[in-house]
C-alpha atoms as a PDB file:
ATOM      1  CA  MET A   1      53.965 -98.482 -56.460  1.00  0.00           C
ATOM      2  CA  TYR A   2      50.335 -97.216 -56.542  1.00  0.00           C
ATOM      3  CA  THR A   3      47.489 -96.589 -54.333  1.00  0.00           C
ATOM      4  CA  CYS A   4      44.297 -98.453 -54.462  1.00  0.00           C
ATOM      5  CA  GLN A   5      41.480 -96.043 -53.456  1.00  0.00           C
ATOM      6  CA  GLY A   6      37.965 -96.979 -52.591  1.00  0.00           C
ATOM      7  CA  HIS A   7      37.523 -97.702 -48.938  1.00  0.00           C
ATOM      8  CA  LYS A   8      36.058 -95.029 -46.738  1.00  0.00           C
ATOM      9  CA  LYS A   9      37.760 -95.967 -43.480  1.00  0.00           C
ATOM     10  CA  TRP A  10      40.908 -97.881 -42.709  1.00  0.00           C
ATOM     11  CA  ILE A  11      42.104-101.294 -43.858  1.00  0.00           C
ATOM     12  CA  THR A  12      41.775-104.344 -41.508  1.00  0.00           C
ATOM     13  CA  GLY A  13      43.054-107.104 -43.547  1.00  0.00           C
ATOM     14  CA  ILE A  14      44.480-108.185 -46.935  1.00  0.00           C
ATOM     15  CA  SER A  15      44.649-111.767 -48.512  1.00  0.00           C
ATOM     16  CA  TRP A  16      46.137-112.569 -51.864  1.00  0.00           C
ATOM     17  CA  GLU A  17      44.407-114.930 -54.276  1.00  0.00           C
ATOM     18  CA  PRO A  18      45.889-118.442 -54.010  1.00  0.00           C
ATOM     19  CA  VAL A  19      48.322-118.836 -56.716  1.00  0.00           C
ATOM     20  CA  HIS A  20      46.991-122.530 -57.490  1.00  0.00           C
ATOM     21  CA  LEU A  21      43.603-120.778 -58.645  1.00  0.00           C
ATOM     22  CA  ARG A  22      45.181-118.433 -61.195  1.00  0.00           C
ATOM     23  CA  ALA A  23      49.022-118.038 -61.824  1.00  0.00           C
ATOM     24  CA  PRO A  24      50.541-115.570 -61.756  1.00  0.00           C
ATOM     25  CA  CYS A  25      48.589-114.131 -58.901  1.00  0.00           C
ATOM     26  CA  ARG A  26      47.288-110.610 -59.762  1.00  0.00           C
ATOM     27  CA  ARG A  27      44.297-110.182 -57.402  1.00  0.00           C
ATOM     28  CA  PHE A  28      43.858-109.610 -53.643  1.00  0.00           C
ATOM     29  CA  ALA A  29      41.115-108.807 -51.286  1.00  0.00           C
ATOM     30  CA  SER A  30      40.951-106.273 -48.660  1.00  0.00           C
ATOM     31  CA  SER A  31      38.529-105.738 -45.722  1.00  0.00           C
ATOM     32  CA  SER A  32      37.765-102.410 -43.919  1.00  0.00           C
ATOM     33  CA  LYS A  33      36.122-100.579 -41.046  1.00  0.00           C
ATOM     34  CA  ASP A  34      33.759 -99.149 -43.489  1.00  0.00           C
ATOM     35  CA  GLY A  35      31.998-102.610 -43.650  1.00  0.00           C
ATOM     36  CA  ASP A  36      33.128-103.504 -47.211  1.00  0.00           C
ATOM     37  CA  ALA A  37      35.444-106.050 -48.683  1.00  0.00           C
ATOM     38  CA  ARG A  38      36.922-105.585 -52.065  1.00  0.00           C
ATOM     39  CA  ILE A  39      38.808-107.493 -54.784  1.00  0.00           C
ATOM     40  CA  TRP A  40      41.598-105.529 -56.573  1.00  0.00           C
ATOM     41  CA  ASP A  41      43.243-106.380 -59.788  1.00  0.00           C
ATOM     42  CA  VAL A  42      46.820-105.318 -59.651  1.00  0.00           C
ATOM     43  CA  SER A  43      47.292-105.264 -63.403  1.00  0.00           C
ATOM     44  CA  LEU A  44      44.238-103.039 -63.891  1.00  0.00           C
ATOM     45  CA  ARG A  45      45.021-101.131 -60.855  1.00  0.00           C
ATOM     46  CA  LYS A  46      41.477-100.946 -59.644  1.00  0.00           C
ATOM     47  CA  CYS A  47      38.774-102.474 -57.578  1.00  0.00           C
ATOM     48  CA  VAL A  48      36.820-105.216 -59.672  1.00  0.00           C
ATOM     49  CA  ILE A  49      34.373-106.414 -57.026  1.00  0.00           C
ATOM     50  CA  CYS A  50      32.922-104.783 -53.760  1.00  0.00           C
ATOM     51  CA  PHE A  51      31.186-107.000 -51.191  1.00  0.00           C
ATOM     52  CA  SER A  52      28.908-104.667 -49.212  1.00  0.00           C
ATOM     53  CA  ARG A  53      26.320-106.766 -47.216  1.00  0.00           C
ATOM     54  CA  HIS A  54      27.897-106.528 -43.697  1.00  0.00           C
ATOM     55  CA  THR A  55      26.117-103.925 -41.372  1.00  0.00           C
ATOM     56  CA  LEU A  56      29.296-103.038 -39.346  1.00  0.00           C
ATOM     57  CA  ALA A  57      33.109-103.190 -39.772  1.00  0.00           C
ATOM     58  CA  VAL A  58      34.615-106.176 -41.622  1.00  0.00           C
ATOM     59  CA  THR A  59      37.509-107.198 -39.269  1.00  0.00           C
ATOM     60  CA  CYS A  60      38.975-110.045 -41.178  1.00  0.00           C
ATOM     61  CA  LEU A  61      38.993-111.969 -44.490  1.00  0.00           C
ATOM     62  CA  LYS A  62      40.432-115.071 -45.966  1.00  0.00           C
ATOM     63  CA  TRP A  63      40.794-116.120 -49.658  1.00  0.00           C
ATOM     64  CA  GLY A  64      39.887-119.887 -49.323  1.00  0.00           C
ATOM     65  CA  GLY A  65      41.687-122.434 -51.745  1.00  0.00           C
ATOM     66  CA  ASP A  66      38.386-123.408 -53.414  1.00  0.00           C
ATOM     67  CA  GLY A  67      37.878-119.810 -54.876  1.00  0.00           C
ATOM     68  CA  VAL A  68      35.602-118.135 -52.242  1.00  0.00           C
ATOM     69  CA  ILE A  69      36.268-115.392 -49.877  1.00  0.00           C
ATOM     70  CA  TYR A  70      35.312-115.516 -46.213  1.00  0.00           C
ATOM     71  CA  THR A  71      34.546-112.305 -44.331  1.00  0.00           C
ATOM     72  CA  GLY A  72      34.138-111.793 -40.590  1.00  0.00           C
ATOM     73  CA  SER A  73      32.413-108.700 -39.192  1.00  0.00           C
ATOM     74  CA  GLN A  74      31.494-106.982 -36.048  1.00  0.00           C
ATOM     75  CA  ASP A  75      27.864-107.587 -37.094  1.00  0.00           C
ATOM     76  CA  CYS A  76      28.593-111.097 -35.679  1.00  0.00           C
ATOM     77  CA  THR A  77      28.409-112.831 -38.986  1.00  0.00           C
ATOM     78  CA  ILE A  78      30.698-114.685 -41.279  1.00  0.00           C
ATOM     79  CA  LYS A  79      29.870-114.405 -44.955  1.00  0.00           C
ATOM     80  CA  VAL A  80      30.997-116.608 -47.694  1.00  0.00           C
ATOM     81  CA  TRP A  81      31.287-114.932 -51.226  1.00  0.00           C
ATOM     82  CA  GLU A  82      31.725-116.264 -54.676  1.00  0.00           C
ATOM     83  CA  THR A  83      34.774-114.288 -56.315  1.00  0.00           C
ATOM     84  CA  SER A  84      33.945-114.090 -59.965  1.00  0.00           C
ATOM     85  CA  GLN A  85      30.709-112.056 -59.676  1.00  0.00           C
ATOM     86  CA  GLY A  86      30.655-111.153 -55.982  1.00  0.00           C
ATOM     87  CA  LYS A  87      27.572-113.053 -55.006  1.00  0.00           C
ATOM     88  CA  LEU A  88      26.803-114.039 -51.357  1.00  0.00           C
ATOM     89  CA  ILE A  89      26.860-117.703 -50.961  1.00  0.00           C
ATOM     90  CA  GLN A  90      26.174-118.288 -47.352  1.00  0.00           C
ATOM     91  CA  GLU A  91      25.910-116.303 -44.032  1.00  0.00           C
ATOM     92  CA  LEU A  92      26.743-117.827 -40.742  1.00  0.00           C
ATOM     93  CA  LYS A  93      25.226-116.144 -37.596  1.00  0.00           C
ATOM     94  CA  GLY A  94      25.733-116.663 -33.947  1.00  0.00           C
ATOM     95  CA  HIS A  95      29.095-115.300 -33.087  1.00  0.00           C
ATOM     96  CA  GLY A  96      28.985-113.183 -29.833  1.00  0.00           C
ATOM     97  CA  HIS A  97      31.587-110.674 -31.004  1.00  0.00           C
END
């Protein structure tokens, strides 16, 4: 067992990379009240990508089957991220809360 350190506030969600994208599965994503989402590599035991474009807490995330990560935030946006380099693909606005 080991600790992944990097978030500045508590964790709001975790999602493992789907096994059909890369077997064996060795990466997972986390979201936090600090406004960031991160991809962690368990074999390297470190954060490999940090998504930091939300302005408020990231309250949920989901690793999509097509190799993207979706993050939802208290800033009323959903962001779609590419997972190899951490680029923002799309931002969806309009959620009330």
